[in-house]
N, C-alpha and C. Protein backbone atom coordinates (compact mmCIF):
# COMPACT_ATOMS: atom_id res chain seq x y z
N MET A 1 32.27 -155.27 -112.65
CA MET A 1 30.88 -155.60 -112.57
C MET A 1 29.76 -154.42 -112.06
N GLU A 2 29.12 -154.00 -112.90
CA GLU A 2 28.27 -152.97 -112.66
C GLU A 2 27.10 -153.61 -111.36
N PRO A 3 26.51 -152.46 -110.71
CA PRO A 3 25.70 -153.16 -109.58
C PRO A 3 24.14 -153.46 -110.42
N ASN A 4 23.93 -152.83 -111.22
CA ASN A 4 22.50 -153.01 -111.88
C ASN A 4 22.51 -154.05 -112.90
N SER A 5 23.39 -154.57 -113.28
CA SER A 5 23.62 -155.56 -114.41
C SER A 5 22.81 -156.81 -113.86
N ALA A 6 22.49 -156.96 -112.95
CA ALA A 6 21.60 -158.33 -112.34
C ALA A 6 20.47 -158.04 -112.58
N SER A 7 19.56 -157.01 -112.55
CA SER A 7 18.53 -156.37 -112.28
C SER A 7 17.95 -155.80 -113.37
N SER A 8 18.92 -155.43 -114.59
CA SER A 8 18.59 -155.09 -115.64
C SER A 8 17.69 -155.58 -116.68
N GLY A 9 17.76 -156.73 -116.65
CA GLY A 9 17.18 -157.65 -117.27
C GLY A 9 15.44 -157.51 -117.26
N GLY A 10 15.29 -157.63 -115.66
CA GLY A 10 13.69 -157.61 -115.34
C GLY A 10 13.38 -156.32 -115.18
N SER A 11 14.24 -155.34 -115.51
CA SER A 11 13.60 -153.85 -115.03
C SER A 11 12.09 -153.50 -115.67
N TRP A 12 12.04 -153.96 -116.91
CA TRP A 12 10.63 -153.73 -117.63
C TRP A 12 9.56 -154.15 -117.17
N VAL A 13 9.50 -155.39 -116.05
CA VAL A 13 8.66 -155.99 -115.98
C VAL A 13 7.45 -155.15 -115.05
N TRP A 14 7.83 -154.51 -114.12
CA TRP A 14 7.00 -153.58 -113.12
C TRP A 14 6.30 -152.51 -113.77
N PRO A 15 7.15 -151.75 -114.80
CA PRO A 15 6.61 -150.74 -115.33
C PRO A 15 5.10 -151.16 -116.42
N VAL A 16 5.58 -152.31 -117.02
CA VAL A 16 4.45 -152.84 -117.79
C VAL A 16 3.30 -153.56 -117.13
N ALA A 17 3.66 -153.96 -115.91
CA ALA A 17 2.52 -154.62 -115.13
C ALA A 17 1.77 -153.40 -114.48
N ILE A 18 2.22 -152.53 -114.24
CA ILE A 18 1.53 -151.24 -113.58
C ILE A 18 0.71 -150.80 -114.88
N ILE A 19 1.12 -150.50 -116.08
CA ILE A 19 0.17 -149.82 -117.14
C ILE A 19 -0.68 -150.93 -117.39
N VAL A 20 -0.33 -152.21 -117.40
CA VAL A 20 -1.59 -153.28 -117.76
C VAL A 20 -2.60 -153.00 -116.54
N GLY A 21 -2.29 -153.00 -115.59
CA GLY A 21 -3.43 -152.86 -114.31
C GLY A 21 -4.07 -151.43 -114.30
N MET A 22 -3.56 -150.71 -114.99
CA MET A 22 -4.26 -149.30 -115.00
C MET A 22 -5.14 -149.32 -116.08
N VAL A 23 -4.72 -149.97 -117.42
CA VAL A 23 -5.52 -150.25 -118.35
C VAL A 23 -6.77 -151.04 -117.86
N VAL A 24 -6.71 -152.20 -117.07
CA VAL A 24 -7.64 -152.96 -116.66
C VAL A 24 -8.59 -152.05 -115.78
N VAL A 25 -8.08 -151.22 -115.03
CA VAL A 25 -8.99 -150.61 -114.08
C VAL A 25 -9.96 -149.43 -114.89
N MET A 26 -9.11 -148.87 -116.04
CA MET A 26 -10.05 -147.93 -116.68
C MET A 26 -11.20 -148.66 -117.63
N ALA A 27 -10.77 -149.80 -117.86
CA ALA A 27 -11.73 -150.80 -118.67
C ALA A 27 -13.00 -150.96 -118.01
N VAL A 28 -12.60 -151.43 -116.68
CA VAL A 28 -13.94 -151.71 -115.76
C VAL A 28 -14.59 -150.56 -115.39
N ASN A 29 -13.87 -149.51 -115.07
CA ASN A 29 -14.69 -148.09 -114.94
C ASN A 29 -15.52 -147.71 -116.18
N GLY A 30 -14.79 -148.06 -117.11
CA GLY A 30 -15.78 -147.65 -118.43
C GLY A 30 -17.03 -148.44 -118.41
N ALA A 31 -16.71 -149.50 -118.29
CA ALA A 31 -17.89 -150.68 -118.22
C ALA A 31 -18.76 -150.37 -117.23
N PHE A 32 -18.53 -150.04 -116.16
CA PHE A 32 -19.73 -149.66 -115.10
C PHE A 32 -20.28 -148.30 -115.32
N ILE A 33 -19.60 -147.30 -115.97
CA ILE A 33 -20.32 -145.93 -116.55
C ILE A 33 -21.20 -146.48 -117.87
N TYR A 34 -20.73 -147.23 -118.60
CA TYR A 34 -21.51 -147.55 -119.91
C TYR A 34 -22.86 -148.46 -119.34
N ILE A 35 -22.83 -149.32 -118.37
CA ILE A 35 -23.90 -149.89 -117.48
C ILE A 35 -24.89 -148.89 -116.88
N ALA A 36 -24.07 -147.79 -116.09
CA ALA A 36 -25.12 -146.99 -115.40
C ALA A 36 -25.86 -145.87 -116.19
N VAL A 37 -25.08 -145.71 -117.48
CA VAL A 37 -25.89 -144.69 -118.24
C VAL A 37 -27.04 -145.31 -119.23
N SER A 38 -26.66 -146.48 -119.70
CA SER A 38 -27.27 -147.28 -120.63
C SER A 38 -28.75 -147.59 -119.74
N GLY A 39 -28.49 -148.23 -118.59
CA GLY A 39 -29.50 -148.63 -117.94
C GLY A 39 -30.27 -147.74 -117.00
N ALA A 40 -29.99 -146.49 -117.04
CA ALA A 40 -30.56 -145.50 -116.27
C ALA A 40 -32.20 -145.22 -116.46
N ASP A 41 -33.01 -145.09 -115.46
CA ASP A 41 -34.39 -144.82 -115.67
C ASP A 41 -34.64 -143.32 -116.05
N GLU A 42 -35.57 -142.97 -116.77
CA GLU A 42 -35.93 -141.64 -117.28
C GLU A 42 -36.45 -140.97 -115.74
N VAL A 43 -36.12 -139.74 -115.93
CA VAL A 43 -36.32 -138.80 -114.71
C VAL A 43 -37.58 -138.29 -115.22
N VAL A 44 -38.90 -138.32 -114.42
CA VAL A 44 -40.19 -137.80 -114.68
C VAL A 44 -40.17 -136.25 -114.84
N GLU A 45 -40.85 -135.77 -115.55
CA GLU A 45 -41.00 -134.21 -115.71
C GLU A 45 -41.25 -133.58 -114.43
N SER A 46 -42.22 -134.00 -113.72
CA SER A 46 -42.69 -133.44 -112.50
C SER A 46 -41.41 -133.40 -111.44
N TYR A 47 -40.57 -134.37 -111.65
CA TYR A 47 -39.42 -134.23 -110.62
C TYR A 47 -38.38 -133.23 -111.06
N GLU A 48 -38.13 -133.02 -112.38
CA GLU A 48 -37.25 -131.85 -113.23
C GLU A 48 -37.79 -130.57 -112.77
N SER A 49 -39.21 -130.35 -112.94
CA SER A 49 -39.75 -129.03 -113.07
C SER A 49 -40.84 -128.82 -112.05
N GLY A 50 -40.57 -129.36 -111.05
CA GLY A 50 -41.51 -129.33 -109.68
C GLY A 50 -41.23 -128.35 -109.05
N GLU A 51 -42.13 -127.92 -108.16
CA GLU A 51 -41.77 -126.86 -106.78
C GLU A 51 -40.82 -127.17 -106.23
N ARG A 52 -40.03 -126.11 -105.75
CA ARG A 52 -38.89 -126.08 -104.89
C ARG A 52 -39.27 -125.99 -103.26
């Protein structure tokens, strides 16, 4: 009997869970970026080219 025979059936669960979790995190980050960029206020010209 092999030592890994009992756990080989569920060995795919953790890698899939990690990949799904990373995809969810990337989707949430993408949503935050989209919201931040689409709702950003315009920068007035005096701020961009004002005296330093």
